[in-house]
PDB file of N, CA and C in Angstrom:
ATOM      1  N   MET A   1     116.463 115.275  86.624  1.00  0.00           N
ATOM      2  CA  MET A   1     115.438 116.152  86.113  1.00  0.00           C
ATOM      3  C   MET A   1     116.068 117.526  85.857  1.00  0.00           C
ATOM      4  N   THR A   2     116.469 117.731  84.637  1.00  0.00           N
ATOM      5  CA  THR A   2     117.117 118.989  84.274  1.00  0.00           C
ATOM      6  C   THR A   2     116.091 120.106  84.223  1.00  0.00           C
ATOM      7  N   ASP A   3     116.568 121.278  84.452  1.00  0.00           N
ATOM      8  CA  ASP A   3     115.734 122.486  84.417  1.00  0.00           C
ATOM      9  C   ASP A   3     114.558 122.414  85.390  1.00  0.00           C
ATOM     10  N   ASN A   4     114.776 121.798  86.524  1.00  0.00           N
ATOM     11  CA  ASN A   4     113.737 121.705  87.534  1.00  0.00           C
ATOM     12  C   ASN A   4     114.378 121.953  88.896  1.00  0.00           C
ATOM     13  N   GLU A   5     113.675 122.647  89.756  1.00  0.00           N
ATOM     14  CA  GLU A   5     114.262 122.928  91.066  1.00  0.00           C
ATOM     15  C   GLU A   5     114.131 121.753  92.034  1.00  0.00           C
ATOM     16  N   PHE A   6     113.351 120.732  91.675  1.00  0.00           N
ATOM     17  CA  PHE A   6     113.146 119.571  92.531  1.00  0.00           C
ATOM     18  C   PHE A   6     113.800 118.328  91.931  1.00  0.00           C
ATOM     19  N   CYS A   7     114.254 117.443  92.808  1.00  0.00           N
ATOM     20  CA  CYS A   7     114.681 116.121  92.334  1.00  0.00           C
ATOM     21  C   CYS A   7     113.419 115.308  92.048  1.00  0.00           C
ATOM     22  N   TYR A   8     113.598 114.135  91.495  1.00  0.00           N
ATOM     23  CA  TYR A   8     112.452 113.314  91.094  1.00  0.00           C
ATOM     24  C   TYR A   8     111.509 113.051  92.266  1.00  0.00           C
ATOM     25  N   PHE A   9     112.072 112.687  93.411  1.00  0.00           N
ATOM     26  CA  PHE A   9     111.234 112.262  94.534  1.00  0.00           C
ATOM     27  C   PHE A   9     110.599 113.423  95.295  1.00  0.00           C
ATOM     28  N   HIS A  10     111.065 114.631  95.066  1.00  0.00           N
ATOM     29  CA  HIS A  10     110.472 115.781  95.731  1.00  0.00           C
ATOM     30  C   HIS A  10     109.662 116.649  94.770  1.00  0.00           C
ATOM     31  N   ASN A  11     109.555 116.217  93.536  1.00  0.00           N
ATOM     32  CA  ASN A  11     108.822 116.963  92.519  1.00  0.00           C
ATOM     33  C   ASN A  11     107.320 116.793  92.761  1.00  0.00           C
ATOM     34  N   PRO A  12     106.594 117.897  92.972  1.00  0.00           N
ATOM     35  CA  PRO A  12     105.151 117.781  93.213  1.00  0.00           C
ATOM     36  C   PRO A  12     104.361 117.318  91.986  1.00  0.00           C
ATOM     37  N   ASP A  13     104.983 117.372  90.814  1.00  0.00           N
ATOM     38  CA  ASP A  13     104.283 116.927  89.592  1.00  0.00           C
ATOM     39  C   ASP A  13     104.279 115.409  89.430  1.00  0.00           C
ATOM     40  N   ILE A  14     105.093 114.706  90.202  1.00  0.00           N
ATOM     41  CA  ILE A  14     105.175 113.246  90.119  1.00  0.00           C
ATOM     42  C   ILE A  14     104.224 112.655  91.166  1.00  0.00           C
ATOM     43  N   SER A  15     103.375 111.731  90.731  1.00  0.00           N
ATOM     44  CA  SER A  15     102.400 111.138  91.651  1.00  0.00           C
ATOM     45  C   SER A  15     103.087 110.182  92.632  1.00  0.00           C
ATOM     46  N   GLU A  16     102.459 109.971  93.762  1.00  0.00           N
ATOM     47  CA  GLU A  16     102.984 109.048  94.775  1.00  0.00           C
ATOM     48  C   GLU A  16     103.075 107.624  94.218  1.00  0.00           C
ATOM     49  N   THR A  17     102.139 107.258  93.362  1.00  0.00           N
ATOM     50  CA  THR A  17     102.149 105.927  92.748  1.00  0.00           C
ATOM     51  C   THR A  17     103.403 105.745  91.896  1.00  0.00           C
ATOM     52  N   GLU A  18     103.732 106.750  91.105  1.00  0.00           N
ATOM     53  CA  GLU A  18     104.939 106.681  90.269  1.00  0.00           C
ATOM     54  C   GLU A  18     106.199 106.595  91.127  1.00  0.00           C
ATOM     55  N   LYS A  19     106.227 107.377  92.197  1.00  0.00           N
ATOM     56  CA  LYS A  19     107.396 107.375  93.088  1.00  0.00           C
ATOM     57  C   LYS A  19     107.587 105.993  93.712  1.00  0.00           C
ATOM     58  N   LYS A  20     106.481 105.401  94.172  1.00  0.00           N
ATOM     59  CA  LYS A  20     106.567 104.081  94.807  1.00  0.00           C
ATOM     60  C   LYS A  20     107.003 103.015  93.806  1.00  0.00           C
ATOM     61  N   GLU A  21     106.531 103.121  92.570  1.00  0.00           N
ATOM     62  CA  GLU A  21     106.911 102.160  91.540  1.00  0.00           C
ATOM     63  C   GLU A  21     108.417 102.235  91.262  1.00  0.00           C
ATOM     64  N   ILE A  22     108.937 103.446  91.148  1.00  0.00           N
ATOM     65  CA  ILE A  22     110.371 103.640  90.905  1.00  0.00           C
ATOM     66  C   ILE A  22     111.189 103.121  92.089  1.00  0.00           C
ATOM     67  N   GLN A  23     110.739 103.418  93.306  1.00  0.00           N
ATOM     68  CA  GLN A  23     111.444 102.929  94.497  1.00  0.00           C
ATOM     69  C   GLN A  23     111.452 101.409  94.528  1.00  0.00           C
ATOM     70  N   SER A  24     110.336 100.803  94.174  1.00  0.00           N
ATOM     71  CA  SER A  24     110.243  99.347  94.170  1.00  0.00           C
ATOM     72  C   SER A  24     111.218  98.742  93.163  1.00  0.00           C
ATOM     73  N   ARG A  25     111.274  99.319  91.979  1.00  0.00           N
ATOM     74  CA  ARG A  25     112.203  98.817  90.963  1.00  0.00           C
ATOM     75  C   ARG A  25     113.648  98.981  91.420  1.00  0.00           C
ATOM     76  N   GLY A  26     113.947 100.102  92.070  1.00  0.00           N
ATOM     77  CA  GLY A  26     115.304 100.330  92.569  1.00  0.00           C
ATOM     78  C   GLY A  26     115.679  99.315  93.639  1.00  0.00           C
ATOM     79  N   GLY A  27     114.756  99.008  94.533  1.00  0.00           N
ATOM     80  CA  GLY A  27     115.015  98.017  95.571  1.00  0.00           C
ATOM     81  C   GLY A  27     115.231  96.633  94.992  1.00  0.00           C
ATOM     82  N   GLN A  28     114.472  96.298  93.959  1.00  0.00           N
ATOM     83  CA  GLN A  28     114.629  94.990  93.332  1.00  0.00           C
ATOM     84  C   GLN A  28     115.962  94.883  92.613  1.00  0.00           C
ATOM     85  N   ALA A  29     116.444  95.992  92.092  1.00  0.00           N
ATOM     86  CA  ALA A  29     117.724  95.980  91.375  1.00  0.00           C
ATOM     87  C   ALA A  29     118.887  95.752  92.322  1.00  0.00           C
ATOM     88  N   ASN A  30     118.705  96.094  93.599  1.00  0.00           N
ATOM     89  CA  ASN A  30     119.787  95.946  94.575  1.00  0.00           C
ATOM     90  C   ASN A  30     119.820  94.585  95.251  1.00  0.00           C
ATOM     91  N   LYS A  31     118.894  93.718  94.911  1.00  0.00           N
ATOM     92  CA  LYS A  31     118.877  92.389  95.533  1.00  0.00           C
ATOM     93  C   LYS A  31     120.092  91.591  95.093  1.00  0.00           C
ATOM     94  N   ILE A  32     120.602  90.775  96.016  1.00  0.00           N
ATOM     95  CA  ILE A  32     121.736  89.916  95.692  1.00  0.00           C
ATOM     96  C   ILE A  32     121.259  88.820  94.732  1.00  0.00           C
ATOM     97  N   LYS A  33     122.011  88.625  93.682  1.00  0.00           N
ATOM     98  CA  LYS A  33     121.645  87.635  92.682  1.00  0.00           C
ATOM     99  C   LYS A  33     122.651  86.492  92.700  1.00  0.00           C
ATOM    100  N   VAL A  34     122.215  85.337  93.125  1.00  0.00           N
ATOM    101  CA  VAL A  34     123.028  84.128  93.010  1.00  0.00           C
ATOM    102  C   VAL A  34     122.290  83.281  91.985  1.00  0.00           C
ATOM    103  N   LEU A  35     122.884  83.151  90.823  1.00  0.00           N
ATOM    104  CA  LEU A  35     122.182  82.522  89.719  1.00  0.00           C
ATOM    105  C   LEU A  35     122.179  81.004  89.794  1.00  0.00           C
ATOM    106  N   GLU A  36     123.074  80.449  90.560  1.00  0.00           N
ATOM    107  CA  GLU A  36     123.085  79.003  90.725  1.00  0.00           C
ATOM    108  C   GLU A  36     123.346  78.700  92.198  1.00  0.00           C
ATOM    109  N   PRO A  37     122.692  77.674  92.732  1.00  0.00           N
ATOM    110  CA  PRO A  37     122.926  77.343  94.141  1.00  0.00           C
ATOM    111  C   PRO A  37     124.375  76.890  94.353  1.00  0.00           C
ATOM    112  N   LEU A  38     124.941  77.263  95.459  1.00  0.00           N
ATOM    113  CA  LEU A  38     126.319  76.885  95.760  1.00  0.00           C
ATOM    114  C   LEU A  38     126.318  75.685  96.695  1.00  0.00           C
ATOM    115  N   GLU A  39     127.023  74.668  96.295  1.00  0.00           N
ATOM    116  CA  GLU A  39     127.119  73.449  97.087  1.00  0.00           C
ATOM    117  C   GLU A  39     128.084  73.671  98.250  1.00  0.00           C
ATOM    118  N   PRO A  40     127.822  73.046  99.401  1.00  0.00           N
ATOM    119  CA  PRO A  40     128.784  73.145 100.500  1.00  0.00           C
ATOM    120  C   PRO A  40     130.110  72.504 100.101  1.00  0.00           C
ATOM    121  N   ILE A  41     131.196  73.087 100.555  1.00  0.00           N
ATOM    122  CA  ILE A  41     132.516  72.531 100.278  1.00  0.00           C
ATOM    123  C   ILE A  41     133.308  72.496 101.573  1.00  0.00           C
ATOM    124  N   THR A  42     134.296  71.622 101.602  1.00  0.00           N
ATOM    125  CA  THR A  42     135.164  71.498 102.766  1.00  0.00           C
ATOM    126  C   THR A  42     136.401  72.347 102.539  1.00  0.00           C
ATOM    127  N   LEU A  43     136.714  73.171 103.514  1.00  0.00           N
ATOM    128  CA  LEU A  43     137.869  74.061 103.421  1.00  0.00           C
ATOM    129  C   LEU A  43     138.758  73.812 104.631  1.00  0.00           C
ATOM    130  N   LYS A  44     139.671  72.871 104.507  1.00  0.00           N
ATOM    131  CA  LYS A  44     140.553  72.502 105.617  1.00  0.00           C
ATOM    132  C   LYS A  44     141.997  72.912 105.390  1.00  0.00           C
ATOM    133  N   ARG A  45     142.373  73.115 104.119  1.00  0.00           N
ATOM    134  CA  ARG A  45     143.772  73.419 103.791  1.00  0.00           C
ATOM    135  C   ARG A  45     143.836  74.648 102.898  1.00  0.00           C
ATOM    136  N   GLY A  46     145.016  75.205 102.798  1.00  0.00           N
ATOM    137  CA  GLY A  46     145.211  76.362 101.931  1.00  0.00           C
ATOM    138  C   GLY A  46     144.842  76.068 100.491  1.00  0.00           C
ATOM    139  N   ASP A  47     145.133  74.853 100.032  1.00  0.00           N
ATOM    140  CA  ASP A  47     144.787  74.472  98.656  1.00  0.00           C
ATOM    141  C   ASP A  47     143.276  74.530  98.419  1.00  0.00           C
ATOM    142  N   ASP A  48     142.502  74.155  99.448  1.00  0.00           N
ATOM    143  CA  ASP A  48     141.046  74.215  99.331  1.00  0.00           C
ATOM    144  C   ASP A  48     140.575  75.660  99.136  1.00  0.00           C
ATOM    145  N   VAL A  49     141.201  76.574  99.864  1.00  0.00           N
ATOM    146  CA  VAL A  49     140.838  77.990  99.763  1.00  0.00           C
ATOM    147  C   VAL A  49     141.235  78.535  98.387  1.00  0.00           C
ATOM    148  N   ILE A  50     142.363  78.098  97.883  1.00  0.00           N
ATOM    149  CA  ILE A  50     142.782  78.512  96.539  1.00  0.00           C
ATOM    150  C   ILE A  50     141.751  78.081  95.506  1.00  0.00           C
ATOM    151  N   LEU A  51     141.265  76.859  95.623  1.00  0.00           N
ATOM    152  CA  LEU A  51     140.248  76.372  94.682  1.00  0.00           C
ATOM    153  C   LEU A  51     138.956  77.173  94.810  1.00  0.00           C
ATOM    154  N   LEU A  52     138.573  77.522  96.047  1.00  0.00           N
ATOM    155  CA  LEU A  52     137.381  78.333  96.263  1.00  0.00           C
ATOM    156  C   LEU A  52     137.535  79.692  95.580  1.00  0.00           C
ATOM    157  N   LEU A  53     138.674  80.330  95.789  1.00  0.00           N
ATOM    158  CA  LEU A  53     138.896  81.639  95.187  1.00  0.00           C
ATOM    159  C   LEU A  53     138.930  81.562  93.665  1.00  0.00           C
ATOM    160  N   GLU A  54     139.549  80.531  93.154  1.00  0.00           N
ATOM    161  CA  GLU A  54     139.587  80.350  91.695  1.00  0.00           C
ATOM    162  C   GLU A  54     138.179  80.196  91.136  1.00  0.00           C
ATOM    163  N   ASP A  55     137.365  79.377  91.798  1.00  0.00           N
ATOM    164  CA  ASP A  55     135.989  79.162  91.364  1.00  0.00           C
ATOM    165  C   ASP A  55     135.186  80.459  91.457  1.00  0.00           C
ATOM    166  N   THR A  56     135.367  81.199  92.546  1.00  0.00           N
ATOM    167  CA  THR A  56     134.651  82.461  92.738  1.00  0.00           C
ATOM    168  C   THR A  56     135.022  83.474  91.660  1.00  0.00           C
ATOM    169  N   ILE A  57     136.302  83.597  91.389  1.00  0.00           N
ATOM    170  CA  ILE A  57     136.768  84.523  90.348  1.00  0.00           C
ATOM    171  C   ILE A  57     136.151  84.155  89.004  1.00  0.00           C
ATOM    172  N   ASN A  58     136.147  82.884  88.674  1.00  0.00           N
ATOM    173  CA  ASN A  58     135.592  82.456  87.386  1.00  0.00           C
ATOM    174  C   ASN A  58     134.091  82.723  87.304  1.00  0.00           C
ATOM    175  N   LYS A  59     133.371  82.530  88.417  1.00  0.00           N
ATOM    176  CA  LYS A  59     131.927  82.789  88.414  1.00  0.00           C
ATOM    177  C   LYS A  59     131.634  84.282  88.267  1.00  0.00           C
ATOM    178  N   VAL A  60     132.437  85.111  88.918  1.00  0.00           N
ATOM    179  CA  VAL A  60     132.253  86.559  88.782  1.00  0.00           C
ATOM    180  C   VAL A  60     132.527  86.976  87.340  1.00  0.00           C
ATOM    181  N   ARG A  61     133.605  86.470  86.770  1.00  0.00           N
ATOM    182  CA  ARG A  61     133.955  86.823  85.396  1.00  0.00           C
ATOM    183  C   ARG A  61     132.886  86.378  84.400  1.00  0.00           C
ATOM    184  N   ALA A  62     132.206  85.265  84.705  1.00  0.00           N
ATOM    185  CA  ALA A  62     131.165  84.755  83.811  1.00  0.00           C
ATOM    186  C   ALA A  62     129.796  85.385  84.100  1.00  0.00           C
ATOM    187  N   GLY A  63     129.727  86.252  85.118  1.00  0.00           N
ATOM    188  CA  GLY A  63     128.455  86.872  85.467  1.00  0.00           C
ATOM    189  C   GLY A  63     127.501  85.943  86.180  1.00  0.00           C
ATOM    190  N   LYS A  64     128.037  84.898  86.800  1.00  0.00           N
ATOM    191  CA  LYS A  64     127.194  83.911  87.476  1.00  0.00           C
ATOM    192  C   LYS A  64     127.124  84.122  88.987  1.00  0.00           C
ATOM    193  N   MET A  65     127.827  85.148  89.509  1.00  0.00           N
ATOM    194  CA  MET A  65     127.806  85.390  90.941  1.00  0.00           C
ATOM    195  C   MET A  65     127.761  86.888  91.202  1.00  0.00           C
ATOM    196  N   ASP A  66     126.929  87.272  92.135  1.00  0.00           N
ATOM    197  CA  ASP A  66     126.825  88.666  92.544  1.00  0.00           C
ATOM    198  C   ASP A  66     128.149  89.109  93.166  1.00  0.00           C
ATOM    199  N   LEU A  67     128.561  90.318  92.854  1.00  0.00           N
ATOM    200  CA  LEU A  67     129.837  90.829  93.366  1.00  0.00           C
ATOM    201  C   LEU A  67     129.868  90.916  94.884  1.00  0.00           C
ATOM    202  N   ARG A  68     128.732  91.196  95.493  1.00  0.00           N
ATOM    203  CA  ARG A  68     128.695  91.289  96.965  1.00  0.00           C
ATOM    204  C   ARG A  68     128.945  89.931  97.599  1.00  0.00           C
ATOM    205  N   VAL A  69     128.399  88.899  96.990  1.00  0.00           N
ATOM    206  CA  VAL A  69     128.630  87.538  97.493  1.00  0.00           C
ATOM    207  C   VAL A  69     130.106  87.189  97.329  1.00  0.00           C
ATOM    208  N   ALA A  70     130.661  87.506  96.166  1.00  0.00           N
ATOM    209  CA  ALA A  70     132.074  87.218  95.900  1.00  0.00           C
ATOM    210  C   ALA A  70     132.979  87.975  96.867  1.00  0.00           C
ATOM    211  N   ASN A  71     132.677  89.241  97.133  1.00  0.00           N
ATOM    212  CA  ASN A  71     133.475  90.018  98.086  1.00  0.00           C
ATOM    213  C   ASN A  71     133.424  89.404  99.472  1.00  0.00           C
ATOM    214  N   CYS A  72     132.255  88.977  99.882  1.00  0.00           N
ATOM    215  CA  CYS A  72     132.103  88.337 101.190  1.00  0.00           C
ATOM    216  C   CYS A  72     132.924  87.050 101.248  1.00  0.00           C
ATOM    217  N   MET A  73     132.868  86.260 100.193  1.00  0.00           N
ATOM    218  CA  MET A  73     133.622  85.010 100.162  1.00  0.00           C
ATOM    219  C   MET A  73     135.124  85.288 100.222  1.00  0.00           C
ATOM    220  N   GLY A  74     135.578  86.313  99.499  1.00  0.00           N
ATOM    221  CA  GLY A  74     136.992  86.671  99.538  1.00  0.00           C
ATOM    222  C   GLY A  74     137.421  87.120 100.924  1.00  0.00           C
ATOM    223  N   TYR A  75     136.599  87.923 101.564  1.00  0.00           N
ATOM    224  CA  TYR A  75     136.887  88.402 102.915  1.00  0.00           C
ATOM    225  C   TYR A  75     136.987  87.236 103.893  1.00  0.00           C
ATOM    226  N   LEU A  76     135.988  86.364 103.867  1.00  0.00           N
ATOM    227  CA  LEU A  76     135.984  85.210 104.772  1.00  0.00           C
ATOM    228  C   LEU A  76     137.124  84.251 104.459  1.00  0.00           C
ATOM    229  N   ALA A  77     137.464  84.104 103.183  1.00  0.00           N
ATOM    230  CA  ALA A  77     138.580  83.226 102.801  1.00  0.00           C
ATOM    231  C   ALA A  77     139.888  83.745 103.395  1.00  0.00           C
ATOM    232  N   GLY A  78     140.049  85.061 103.444  1.00  0.00           N
ATOM    233  CA  GLY A  78     141.243  85.637 104.060  1.00  0.00           C
ATOM    234  C   GLY A  78     141.345  85.277 105.530  1.00  0.00           C
ATOM    235  N   HIS A  79     140.241  85.353 106.244  1.00  0.00           N
ATOM    236  CA  HIS A  79     140.232  84.957 107.657  1.00  0.00           C
ATOM    237  C   HIS A  79     140.483  83.460 107.804  1.00  0.00           C
ATOM    238  N   LEU A  80     139.920  82.678 106.902  1.00  0.00           N
ATOM    239  CA  LEU A  80     140.110  81.235 106.959  1.00  0.00           C
ATOM    240  C   LEU A  80     141.571  80.859 106.754  1.00  0.00           C
ATOM    241  N   ILE A  81     142.233  81.508 105.803  1.00  0.00           N
ATOM    242  CA  ILE A  81     143.655  81.240 105.557  1.00  0.00           C
ATOM    243  C   ILE A  81     144.460  81.527 106.819  1.00  0.00           C
ATOM    244  N   LYS A  82     144.170  82.644 107.480  1.00  0.00           N
ATOM    245  CA  LYS A  82     144.879  82.983 108.720  1.00  0.00           C
ATOM    246  C   LYS A  82     144.639  81.915 109.787  1.00  0.00           C
ATOM    247  N   ALA A  83     143.407  81.465 109.921  1.00  0.00           N
ATOM    248  CA  ALA A  83     143.088  80.435 110.912  1.00  0.00           C
ATOM    249  C   ALA A  83     143.807  79.130 110.594  1.00  0.00           C
ATOM    250  N   ILE A  84     143.879  78.770 109.329  1.00  0.00           N
ATOM    251  CA  ILE A  84     144.582  77.546 108.929  1.00  0.00           C
ATOM    252  C   ILE A  84     146.062  77.670 109.264  1.00  0.00           C
ATOM    253  N   GLU A  85     146.659  78.816 108.969  1.00  0.00           N
ATOM    254  CA  GLU A  85     148.082  79.026 109.268  1.00  0.00           C
ATOM    255  C   GLU A  85     148.346  78.962 110.767  1.00  0.00           C
ATOM    256  N   ILE A  86     147.493  79.595 111.559  1.00  0.00           N
ATOM    257  CA  ILE A  86     147.671  79.580 113.019  1.00  0.00           C
ATOM    258  C   ILE A  86     147.549  78.163 113.550  1.00  0.00           C
ATOM    259  N   THR A  87     146.591  77.419 113.051  1.00  0.00           N
ATOM    260  CA  THR A  87     146.410  76.032 113.495  1.00  0.00           C
ATOM    261  C   THR A  87     147.634  75.193 113.156  1.00  0.00           C
ATOM    262  N   LYS A  88     148.187  75.375 111.964  1.00  0.00           N
ATOM    263  CA  LYS A  88     149.403  74.643 111.585  1.00  0.00           C
ATOM    264  C   LYS A  88     150.549  74.974 112.533  1.00  0.00           C
ATOM    265  N   LEU A  89     150.721  76.253 112.820  1.00  0.00           N
ATOM    266  CA  LEU A  89     151.798  76.662 113.723  1.00  0.00           C
ATOM    267  C   LEU A  89     151.588  76.100 115.130  1.00  0.00           C
ATOM    268  N   GLU A  90     150.361  76.143 115.615  1.00  0.00           N
ATOM    269  CA  GLU A  90     150.063  75.576 116.939  1.00  0.00           C
ATOM    270  C   GLU A  90     150.404  74.094 116.981  1.00  0.00           C
ATOM    271  N   ASN A  91     150.056  73.371 115.921  1.00  0.00           N
ATOM    272  CA  ASN A  91     150.353  71.929 115.867  1.00  0.00           C
ATOM    273  C   ASN A  91     151.857  71.676 115.858  1.00  0.00           C
ATOM    274  N   ARG A  92     152.603  72.479 115.102  1.00  0.00           N
ATOM    275  CA  ARG A  92     154.059  72.315 115.056  1.00  0.00           C
ATOM    276  C   ARG A  92     154.685  72.622 116.421  1.00  0.00           C
ATOM    277  N   VAL A  93     154.220  73.683 117.068  1.00  0.00           N
ATOM    278  CA  VAL A  93     154.748  74.030 118.394  1.00  0.00           C
ATOM    279  C   VAL A  93     154.452  72.905 119.384  1.00  0.00           C
ATOM    280  N   GLU A  94     153.260  72.340 119.312  1.00  0.00           N
ATOM    281  CA  GLU A  94     152.896  71.245 120.208  1.00  0.00           C
ATOM    282  C   GLU A  94     153.822  70.042 120.006  1.00  0.00           C
ATOM    283  N   ILE A  95     154.126  69.712 118.764  1.00  0.00           N
ATOM    284  CA  ILE A  95     155.022  68.586 118.472  1.00  0.00           C
ATOM    285  C   ILE A  95     156.422  68.871 119.020  1.00  0.00           C
ATOM    286  N   ILE A  96     156.902  70.084 118.818  1.00  0.00           N
ATOM    287  CA  ILE A  96     158.237  70.457 119.315  1.00  0.00           C
ATOM    288  C   ILE A  96     158.275  70.410 120.840  1.00  0.00           C
ATOM    289  N   GLU A  97     157.235  70.957 121.481  1.00  0.00           N
ATOM    290  CA  GLU A  97     157.187  70.941 122.942  1.00  0.00           C
ATOM    291  C   GLU A  97     157.157  69.511 123.474  1.00  0.00           C
ATOM    292  N   ARG A  98     156.422  68.637 122.820  1.00  0.00           N
ATOM    293  CA  ARG A  98     156.343  67.240 123.240  1.00  0.00           C
ATOM    294  C   ARG A  98     157.719  66.570 123.107  1.00  0.00           C
ATOM    295  N   ALA A  99     158.420  66.859 122.001  1.00  0.00           N
ATOM    296  CA  ALA A  99     159.744  66.282 121.783  1.00  0.00           C
ATOM    297  C   ALA A  99     160.729  66.773 122.851  1.00  0.00           C
ATOM    298  N   ILE A 100     160.670  68.048 123.167  1.00  0.00           N
ATOM    299  CA  ILE A 100     161.552  68.591 124.218  1.00  0.00           C
ATOM    300  C   ILE A 100     161.249  67.948 125.551  1.00  0.00           C
ATOM    301  N   LEU A 101     159.991  67.805 125.871  1.00  0.00           N
ATOM    302  CA  LEU A 101     159.601  67.185 127.152  1.00  0.00           C
ATOM    303  C   LEU A 101     160.065  65.735 127.212  1.00  0.00           C
ATOM    304  N   GLU A 102     159.945  64.996 126.109  1.00  0.00           N
ATOM    305  CA  GLU A 102     160.399  63.598 126.073  1.00  0.00           C
ATOM    306  C   GLU A 102     161.907  63.511 126.273  1.00  0.00           C
ATOM    307  N   ARG A 103     162.671  64.399 125.664  1.00  0.00           N
ATOM    308  CA  ARG A 103     164.136  64.401 125.839  1.00  0.00           C
ATOM    309  C   ARG A 103     164.533  64.692 127.272  1.00  0.00           C
ATOM    310  N   ARG A 104     163.829  65.616 127.901  1.00  0.00           N
ATOM    311  CA  ARG A 104     164.115  65.934 129.302  1.00  0.00           C
ATOM    312  C   ARG A 104     163.816  64.738 130.205  1.00  0.00           C
ATOM    313  N   THR A 105     162.734  64.038 129.898  1.00  0.00           N
ATOM    314  CA  THR A 105     162.352  62.885 130.703  1.00  0.00           C
ATOM    315  C   THR A 105     163.357  61.759 130.545  1.00  0.00           C
ATOM    316  N   ILE A 106     163.862  61.546 129.328  1.00  0.00           N
ATOM    317  CA  ILE A 106     164.842  60.475 129.072  1.00  0.00           C
ATOM    318  C   ILE A 106     166.161  60.768 129.774  1.00  0.00           C
ATOM    319  N   ARG A 107     166.599  62.013 129.814  1.00  0.00           N
ATOM    320  CA  ARG A 107     167.871  62.409 130.425  1.00  0.00           C
ATOM    321  C   ARG A 107     167.871  62.228 131.933  1.00  0.00           C
ATOM    322  N   ARG A 108     166.744  62.264 132.567  1.00  0.00           N
ATOM    323  CA  ARG A 108     166.701  62.168 134.037  1.00  0.00           C
ATOM    324  C   ARG A 108     166.753  60.770 134.477  1.00  0.00           C
TER     325      ARG A 108
END
């Protein structure tokens, strides 16, 4: 509101009804928009996460996914990748430890 000492919401010339209508429209504009339902997917390997990210990127580029949803998916995918890597390392360490224990048992 140029040339006015008040902002829109503090302007005494604007009715409460008008203010509420504008606030309502603003709140509706901020709602998360998922234009198509997302099917559950299995994410057990790094390749699965790559496919998820590829799909998410394509949906964002096509305007079919809200950016907030995409950001959340990217954030969670990063944590998932770390968990997958840690699990792989734990499994490898377990196999190595088992092999070492078997060799020690055979030598005795």
